[in-house]
Amino acid sequence: MQKIRINELARELEVKAHLILDLLPVLGVPDKKTHSSSLDDDVADQVRRHFQNGGGGSVPASAAAEHAAVEWAPPPA
């Protein structure tokens, strides 16, 4: 079984590597931590399908909730 690095797959799909990393736990792959981690072909195909079928820059709500952005507040005057 061949493997592909997350950063290579991100370049192929023209998305940021962190979007793939955020998607992996939803796909049942919780152990990948960095852009240089490798994915098996079957997982890479699931990621490709997600982003090619309108997944775009979005991540499922469950993963997005885990990585909620902190709101920016202007410094006090």
PDB file of N, CA and C in Angstrom:
ATOM      1  N   MET A   1       0.846  -1.167   0.000  1.00  0.00           N
ATOM      2  CA  MET A   1       0.000   0.000   0.000  1.00  0.00           C
ATOM      3  C   MET A   1       0.898   1.239   0.000  1.00  0.00           C
ATOM      4  N   GLN A   2       0.640   2.142  -0.930  1.00  0.00           N
ATOM      5  CA  GLN A   2       1.427   3.356  -1.017  1.00  0.00           C
ATOM      6  C   GLN A   2       0.927   4.404  -0.030  1.00  0.00           C
ATOM      7  N   LYS A   3       1.788   5.358   0.226  1.00  0.00           N
ATOM      8  CA  LYS A   3       1.446   6.438   1.146  1.00  0.00           C
ATOM      9  C   LYS A   3       1.757   7.763   0.478  1.00  0.00           C
ATOM     10  N   ILE A   4       1.079   8.816   0.941  1.00  0.00           N
ATOM     11  CA  ILE A   4       1.333  10.165   0.460  1.00  0.00           C
ATOM     12  C   ILE A   4       1.371  11.091   1.669  1.00  0.00           C
ATOM     13  N   ARG A   5       2.287  12.024   1.655  1.00  0.00           N
ATOM     14  CA  ARG A   5       2.366  12.981   2.761  1.00  0.00           C
ATOM     15  C   ARG A   5       1.227  13.993   2.663  1.00  0.00           C
ATOM     16  N   ILE A   6       0.788  14.449   3.824  1.00  0.00           N
ATOM     17  CA  ILE A   6      -0.338  15.378   3.886  1.00  0.00           C
ATOM     18  C   ILE A   6      -0.029  16.653   3.111  1.00  0.00           C
ATOM     19  N   ASN A   7       1.197  17.164   3.216  1.00  0.00           N
ATOM     20  CA  ASN A   7       1.518  18.397   2.496  1.00  0.00           C
ATOM     21  C   ASN A   7       1.494  18.196   0.983  1.00  0.00           C
ATOM     22  N   GLU A   8       1.877  17.025   0.498  1.00  0.00           N
ATOM     23  CA  GLU A   8       1.815  16.740  -0.935  1.00  0.00           C
ATOM     24  C   GLU A   8       0.366  16.653  -1.408  1.00  0.00           C
ATOM     25  N   LEU A   9      -0.478  16.006  -0.600  1.00  0.00           N
ATOM     26  CA  LEU A   9      -1.893  15.896  -0.932  1.00  0.00           C
ATOM     27  C   LEU A   9      -2.549  17.279  -0.927  1.00  0.00           C
ATOM     28  N   ALA A  10      -2.167  18.129   0.012  1.00  0.00           N
ATOM     29  CA  ALA A  10      -2.706  19.496   0.075  1.00  0.00           C
ATOM     30  C   ALA A  10      -2.327  20.280  -1.182  1.00  0.00           C
ATOM     31  N   ARG A  11      -1.096  20.133  -1.622  1.00  0.00           N
ATOM     32  CA  ARG A  11      -0.677  20.804  -2.865  1.00  0.00           C
ATOM     33  C   ARG A  11      -1.481  20.293  -4.050  1.00  0.00           C
ATOM     34  N   GLU A  12      -1.664  18.980  -4.114  1.00  0.00           N
ATOM     35  CA  GLU A  12      -2.429  18.371  -5.207  1.00  0.00           C
ATOM     36  C   GLU A  12      -3.858  18.916  -5.251  1.00  0.00           C
ATOM     37  N   LEU A  13      -4.472  19.048  -4.074  1.00  0.00           N
ATOM     38  CA  LEU A  13      -5.868  19.490  -3.988  1.00  0.00           C
ATOM     39  C   LEU A  13      -6.007  21.004  -3.910  1.00  0.00           C
ATOM     40  N   GLU A  14      -4.874  21.699  -3.814  1.00  0.00           N
ATOM     41  CA  GLU A  14      -4.850  23.153  -3.704  1.00  0.00           C
ATOM     42  C   GLU A  14      -5.642  23.643  -2.487  1.00  0.00           C
ATOM     43  N   VAL A  15      -5.387  23.006  -1.345  1.00  0.00           N
ATOM     44  CA  VAL A  15      -5.963  23.418  -0.065  1.00  0.00           C
ATOM     45  C   VAL A  15      -4.827  23.502   0.946  1.00  0.00           C
ATOM     46  N   LYS A  16      -5.108  24.119   2.072  1.00  0.00           N
ATOM     47  CA  LYS A  16      -4.108  24.206   3.144  1.00  0.00           C
ATOM     48  C   LYS A  16      -4.036  22.867   3.880  1.00  0.00           C
ATOM     49  N   ALA A  17      -2.853  22.488   4.300  1.00  0.00           N
ATOM     50  CA  ALA A  17      -2.648  21.213   4.994  1.00  0.00           C
ATOM     51  C   ALA A  17      -3.469  21.132   6.277  1.00  0.00           C
ATOM     52  N   HIS A  18      -3.670  22.261   6.962  1.00  0.00           N
ATOM     53  CA  HIS A  18      -4.427  22.215   8.215  1.00  0.00           C
ATOM     54  C   HIS A  18      -5.879  21.825   7.980  1.00  0.00           C
ATOM     55  N   LEU A  19      -6.424  22.101   6.786  1.00  0.00           N
ATOM     56  CA  LEU A  19      -7.797  21.664   6.486  1.00  0.00           C
ATOM     57  C   LEU A  19      -7.875  20.141   6.411  1.00  0.00           C
ATOM     58  N   ILE A  20      -6.856  19.537   5.852  1.00  0.00           N
ATOM     59  CA  ILE A  20      -6.806  18.070   5.794  1.00  0.00           C
ATOM     60  C   ILE A  20      -6.618  17.515   7.199  1.00  0.00           C
ATOM     61  N   LEU A  21      -5.734  18.131   7.979  1.00  0.00           N
ATOM     62  CA  LEU A  21      -5.514  17.667   9.354  1.00  0.00           C
ATOM     63  C   LEU A  21      -6.794  17.780  10.184  1.00  0.00           C
ATOM     64  N   ASP A  22      -7.591  18.829   9.957  1.00  0.00           N
ATOM     65  CA  ASP A  22      -8.857  18.988  10.680  1.00  0.00           C
ATOM     66  C   ASP A  22      -9.889  17.949  10.248  1.00  0.00           C
ATOM     67  N   LEU A  23      -9.815  17.513   9.001  1.00  0.00           N
ATOM     68  CA  LEU A  23     -10.770  16.545   8.468  1.00  0.00           C
ATOM     69  C   LEU A  23     -10.468  15.114   8.930  1.00  0.00           C
ATOM     70  N   LEU A  24      -9.218  14.784   9.146  1.00  0.00           N
ATOM     71  CA  LEU A  24      -8.825  13.402   9.440  1.00  0.00           C
ATOM     72  C   LEU A  24      -9.540  12.772  10.637  1.00  0.00           C
ATOM     73  N   PRO A  25      -9.710  13.448  11.771  1.00  0.00           N
ATOM     74  CA  PRO A  25     -10.442  12.821  12.875  1.00  0.00           C
ATOM     75  C   PRO A  25     -11.887  12.461  12.503  1.00  0.00           C
ATOM     76  N   VAL A  26     -12.492  13.267  11.651  1.00  0.00           N
ATOM     77  CA  VAL A  26     -13.854  12.981  11.189  1.00  0.00           C
ATOM     78  C   VAL A  26     -13.872  11.703  10.354  1.00  0.00           C
ATOM     79  N   LEU A  27     -12.780  11.456   9.643  1.00  0.00           N
ATOM     80  CA  LEU A  27     -12.665  10.253   8.813  1.00  0.00           C
ATOM     81  C   LEU A  27     -12.180   9.044   9.612  1.00  0.00           C
ATOM     82  N   GLY A  28     -11.954   9.243  10.912  1.00  0.00           N
ATOM     83  CA  GLY A  28     -11.523   8.139  11.764  1.00  0.00           C
ATOM     84  C   GLY A  28     -10.026   7.945  11.820  1.00  0.00           C
ATOM     85  N   VAL A  29      -9.263   8.993  11.545  1.00  0.00           N
ATOM     86  CA  VAL A  29      -7.803   8.929  11.574  1.00  0.00           C
ATOM     87  C   VAL A  29      -7.301   9.986  12.557  1.00  0.00           C
ATOM     88  N   PRO A  30      -7.326   9.698  13.853  1.00  0.00           N
ATOM     89  CA  PRO A  30      -6.969  10.709  14.851  1.00  0.00           C
ATOM     90  C   PRO A  30      -5.469  10.861  15.107  1.00  0.00           C
ATOM     91  N   ASP A  31      -4.639   9.953  14.600  1.00  0.00           N
ATOM     92  CA  ASP A  31      -3.231   9.942  15.002  1.00  0.00           C
ATOM     93  C   ASP A  31      -2.307  10.783  14.126  1.00  0.00           C
ATOM     94  N   LYS A  32      -2.795  11.443  13.109  1.00  0.00           N
ATOM     95  CA  LYS A  32      -1.942  12.264  12.248  1.00  0.00           C
ATOM     96  C   LYS A  32      -1.882  13.675  12.820  1.00  0.00           C
ATOM     97  N   LYS A  33      -0.676  14.162  13.053  1.00  0.00           N
ATOM     98  CA  LYS A  33      -0.511  15.419  13.776  1.00  0.00           C
ATOM     99  C   LYS A  33       0.085  16.555  12.946  1.00  0.00           C
ATOM    100  N   THR A  34       0.895  16.239  11.931  1.00  0.00           N
ATOM    101  CA  THR A  34       1.600  17.304  11.218  1.00  0.00           C
ATOM    102  C   THR A  34       1.447  17.158   9.709  1.00  0.00           C
ATOM    103  N   HIS A  35       1.844  18.209   9.005  1.00  0.00           N
ATOM    104  CA  HIS A  35       1.767  18.213   7.551  1.00  0.00           C
ATOM    105  C   HIS A  35       2.692  17.177   6.915  1.00  0.00           C
ATOM    106  N   SER A  36       3.682  16.727   7.654  1.00  0.00           N
ATOM    107  CA  SER A  36       4.618  15.756   7.097  1.00  0.00           C
ATOM    108  C   SER A  36       4.231  14.310   7.406  1.00  0.00           C
ATOM    109  N   SER A  37       3.103  14.106   8.094  1.00  0.00           N
ATOM    110  CA  SER A  37       2.609  12.748   8.336  1.00  0.00           C
ATOM    111  C   SER A  37       2.155  12.142   7.015  1.00  0.00           C
ATOM    112  N   SER A  38       2.210  10.825   6.921  1.00  0.00           N
ATOM    113  CA  SER A  38       1.811  10.127   5.704  1.00  0.00           C
ATOM    114  C   SER A  38       0.442   9.489   5.872  1.00  0.00           C
ATOM    115  N   LEU A  39      -0.299   9.432   4.756  1.00  0.00           N
ATOM    116  CA  LEU A  39      -1.623   8.815   4.739  1.00  0.00           C
ATOM    117  C   LEU A  39      -1.607   7.623   3.790  1.00  0.00           C
ATOM    118  N   ASP A  40      -2.349   6.573   4.152  1.00  0.00           N
ATOM    119  CA  ASP A  40      -2.529   5.447   3.247  1.00  0.00           C
ATOM    120  C   ASP A  40      -3.390   5.887   2.067  1.00  0.00           C
ATOM    121  N   ASP A  41      -3.292   5.146   0.975  1.00  0.00           N
ATOM    122  CA  ASP A  41      -4.040   5.480  -0.234  1.00  0.00           C
ATOM    123  C   ASP A  41      -5.545   5.568  -0.007  1.00  0.00           C
ATOM    124  N   ASP A  42      -6.101   4.645   0.799  1.00  0.00           N
ATOM    125  CA  ASP A  42      -7.551   4.660   0.994  1.00  0.00           C
ATOM    126  C   ASP A  42      -8.001   5.925   1.720  1.00  0.00           C
ATOM    127  N   VAL A  43      -7.238   6.380   2.694  1.00  0.00           N
ATOM    128  CA  VAL A  43      -7.577   7.618   3.416  1.00  0.00           C
ATOM    129  C   VAL A  43      -7.380   8.815   2.485  1.00  0.00           C
ATOM    130  N   ALA A  44      -6.308   8.814   1.707  1.00  0.00           N
ATOM    131  CA  ALA A  44      -6.050   9.902   0.764  1.00  0.00           C
ATOM    132  C   ALA A  44      -7.192  10.000  -0.250  1.00  0.00           C
ATOM    133  N   ASP A  45      -7.718   8.870  -0.684  1.00  0.00           N
ATOM    134  CA  ASP A  45      -8.849   8.883  -1.622  1.00  0.00           C
ATOM    135  C   ASP A  45     -10.099   9.467  -0.971  1.00  0.00           C
ATOM    136  N   GLN A  46     -10.324   9.178   0.312  1.00  0.00           N
ATOM    137  CA  GLN A  46     -11.464   9.772   1.024  1.00  0.00           C
ATOM    138  C   GLN A  46     -11.307  11.288   1.108  1.00  0.00           C
ATOM    139  N   VAL A  47     -10.103  11.752   1.381  1.00  0.00           N
ATOM    140  CA  VAL A  47      -9.833  13.190   1.466  1.00  0.00           C
ATOM    141  C   VAL A  47     -10.053  13.830   0.096  1.00  0.00           C
ATOM    142  N   ARG A  48      -9.557  13.188  -0.959  1.00  0.00           N
ATOM    143  CA  ARG A  48      -9.754  13.716  -2.318  1.00  0.00           C
ATOM    144  C   ARG A  48     -11.238  13.854  -2.637  1.00  0.00           C
ATOM    145  N   ARG A  49     -12.009  12.812  -2.325  1.00  0.00           N
ATOM    146  CA  ARG A  49     -13.456  12.852  -2.601  1.00  0.00           C
ATOM    147  C   ARG A  49     -14.120  13.994  -1.837  1.00  0.00           C
ATOM    148  N   HIS A  50     -13.714  14.187  -0.593  1.00  0.00           N
ATOM    149  CA  HIS A  50     -14.310  15.253   0.222  1.00  0.00           C
ATOM    150  C   HIS A  50     -14.098  16.622  -0.428  1.00  0.00           C
ATOM    151  N   PHE A  51     -12.865  16.910  -0.819  1.00  0.00           N
ATOM    152  CA  PHE A  51     -12.562  18.232  -1.357  1.00  0.00           C
ATOM    153  C   PHE A  51     -12.992  18.394  -2.806  1.00  0.00           C
ATOM    154  N   GLN A  52     -13.109  17.309  -3.554  1.00  0.00           N
ATOM    155  CA  GLN A  52     -13.553  17.405  -4.947  1.00  0.00           C
ATOM    156  C   GLN A  52     -15.074  17.433  -5.056  1.00  0.00           C
ATOM    157  N   ASN A  53     -15.784  16.985  -4.037  1.00  0.00           N
ATOM    158  CA  ASN A  53     -17.241  16.963  -4.060  1.00  0.00           C
ATOM    159  C   ASN A  53     -17.842  18.114  -3.267  1.00  0.00           C
ATOM    160  N   GLY A  54     -17.258  19.277  -3.394  1.00  0.00           N
ATOM    161  CA  GLY A  54     -17.828  20.440  -2.731  1.00  0.00           C
ATOM    162  C   GLY A  54     -17.370  20.635  -1.311  1.00  0.00           C
ATOM    163  N   GLY A  55     -16.436  19.823  -0.836  1.00  0.00           N
ATOM    164  CA  GLY A  55     -15.919  20.020   0.508  1.00  0.00           C
ATOM    165  C   GLY A  55     -15.165  21.330   0.620  1.00  0.00           C
ATOM    166  N   GLY A  56     -14.586  21.751  -0.510  1.00  0.00           N
ATOM    167  CA  GLY A  56     -13.905  23.034  -0.585  1.00  0.00           C
ATOM    168  C   GLY A  56     -13.056  23.313   0.626  1.00  0.00           C
ATOM    169  N   GLY A  57     -13.209  24.497   1.177  1.00  0.00           N
ATOM    170  CA  GLY A  57     -12.451  24.884   2.349  1.00  0.00           C
ATOM    171  C   GLY A  57     -13.178  24.558   3.628  1.00  0.00           C
ATOM    172  N   SER A  58     -14.299  23.865   3.516  1.00  0.00           N
ATOM    173  CA  SER A  58     -15.082  23.612   4.719  1.00  0.00           C
ATOM    174  C   SER A  58     -14.671  22.313   5.387  1.00  0.00           C
ATOM    175  N   VAL A  59     -14.889  22.273   6.674  1.00  0.00           N
ATOM    176  CA  VAL A  59     -14.627  21.090   7.480  1.00  0.00           C
ATOM    177  C   VAL A  59     -15.938  20.774   8.186  1.00  0.00           C
ATOM    178  N   PRO A  60     -16.285  19.502   8.324  1.00  0.00           N
ATOM    179  CA  PRO A  60     -17.529  19.173   9.025  1.00  0.00           C
ATOM    180  C   PRO A  60     -17.637  19.865  10.369  1.00  0.00           C
ATOM    181  N   ALA A  61     -18.857  20.146  10.786  1.00  0.00           N
ATOM    182  CA  ALA A  61     -19.115  20.938  11.989  1.00  0.00           C
ATOM    183  C   ALA A  61     -18.432  20.372  13.228  1.00  0.00           C
ATOM    184  N   SER A  62     -18.389  19.056  13.373  1.00  0.00           N
ATOM    185  CA  SER A  62     -17.782  18.474  14.568  1.00  0.00           C
ATOM    186  C   SER A  62     -16.302  18.819  14.667  1.00  0.00           C
ATOM    187  N   ALA A  63     -15.597  18.805  13.545  1.00  0.00           N
ATOM    188  CA  ALA A  63     -14.183  19.156  13.558  1.00  0.00           C
ATOM    189  C   ALA A  63     -14.004  20.659  13.728  1.00  0.00           C
ATOM    190  N   ALA A  64     -14.877  21.429  13.125  1.00  0.00           N
ATOM    191  CA  ALA A  64     -14.777  22.878  13.242  1.00  0.00           C
ATOM    192  C   ALA A  64     -15.008  23.319  14.685  1.00  0.00           C
ATOM    193  N   ALA A  65     -15.903  22.648  15.383  1.00  0.00           N
ATOM    194  CA  ALA A  65     -16.185  23.010  16.771  1.00  0.00           C
ATOM    195  C   ALA A  65     -14.958  22.780  17.654  1.00  0.00           C
ATOM    196  N   GLU A  66     -14.182  21.747  17.353  1.00  0.00           N
ATOM    197  CA  GLU A  66     -12.991  21.459  18.133  1.00  0.00           C
ATOM    198  C   GLU A  66     -11.923  22.532  17.942  1.00  0.00           C
ATOM    199  N   HIS A  67     -11.916  23.150  16.770  1.00  0.00           N
ATOM    200  CA  HIS A  67     -10.886  24.136  16.436  1.00  0.00           C
ATOM    201  C   HIS A  67     -11.512  25.512  16.259  1.00  0.00           C
ATOM    202  N   ALA A  68     -12.404  25.883  17.145  1.00  0.00           N
ATOM    203  CA  ALA A  68     -13.084  27.174  17.044  1.00  0.00           C
ATOM    204  C   ALA A  68     -12.071  28.305  17.163  1.00  0.00           C
ATOM    205  N   ALA A  69     -12.251  29.295  16.334  1.00  0.00           N
ATOM    206  CA  ALA A  69     -11.344  30.439  16.339  1.00  0.00           C
ATOM    207  C   ALA A  69     -11.679  31.375  17.486  1.00  0.00           C
ATOM    208  N   VAL A  70     -10.642  31.964  18.038  1.00  0.00           N
ATOM    209  CA  VAL A  70     -10.817  32.955  19.100  1.00  0.00           C
ATOM    210  C   VAL A  70     -11.088  34.290  18.431  1.00  0.00           C
ATOM    211  N   GLU A  71     -12.105  34.993  18.907  1.00  0.00           N
ATOM    212  CA  GLU A  71     -12.445  36.280  18.308  1.00  0.00           C
ATOM    213  C   GLU A  71     -11.366  37.315  18.609  1.00  0.00           C
ATOM    214  N   TRP A  72     -11.105  38.161  17.644  1.00  0.00           N
ATOM    215  CA  TRP A  72     -10.114  39.208  17.799  1.00  0.00           C
ATOM    216  C   TRP A  72     -10.790  40.424  18.403  1.00  0.00           C
ATOM    217  N   ALA A  73     -10.156  41.034  19.360  1.00  0.00           N
ATOM    218  CA  ALA A  73     -10.687  42.248  19.972  1.00  0.00           C
ATOM    219  C   ALA A  73      -9.647  43.346  19.810  1.00  0.00           C
ATOM    220  N   PRO A  74     -10.078  44.551  19.447  1.00  0.00           N
ATOM    221  CA  PRO A  74      -9.112  45.640  19.307  1.00  0.00           C
ATOM    222  C   PRO A  74      -8.512  46.005  20.661  1.00  0.00           C
ATOM    223  N   PRO A  75      -7.281  46.472  20.668  1.00  0.00           N
ATOM    224  CA  PRO A  75      -6.665  46.854  21.941  1.00  0.00           C
ATOM    225  C   PRO A  75      -7.398  48.056  22.551  1.00  0.00           C
ATOM    226  N   PRO A  76      -7.425  48.127  23.870  1.00  0.00           N
ATOM    227  CA  PRO A  76      -8.096  49.265  24.512  1.00  0.00           C
ATOM    228  C   PRO A  76      -7.417  50.578  24.149  1.00  0.00           C
ATOM    229  N   ALA A  77      -8.205  51.597  23.998  1.00  0.00           N
ATOM    230  CA  ALA A  77      -7.658  52.913  23.591  1.00  0.00           C
ATOM    231  C   ALA A  77      -7.138  53.688  24.773  1.00  0.00           C
TER     232      ALA A  77
END
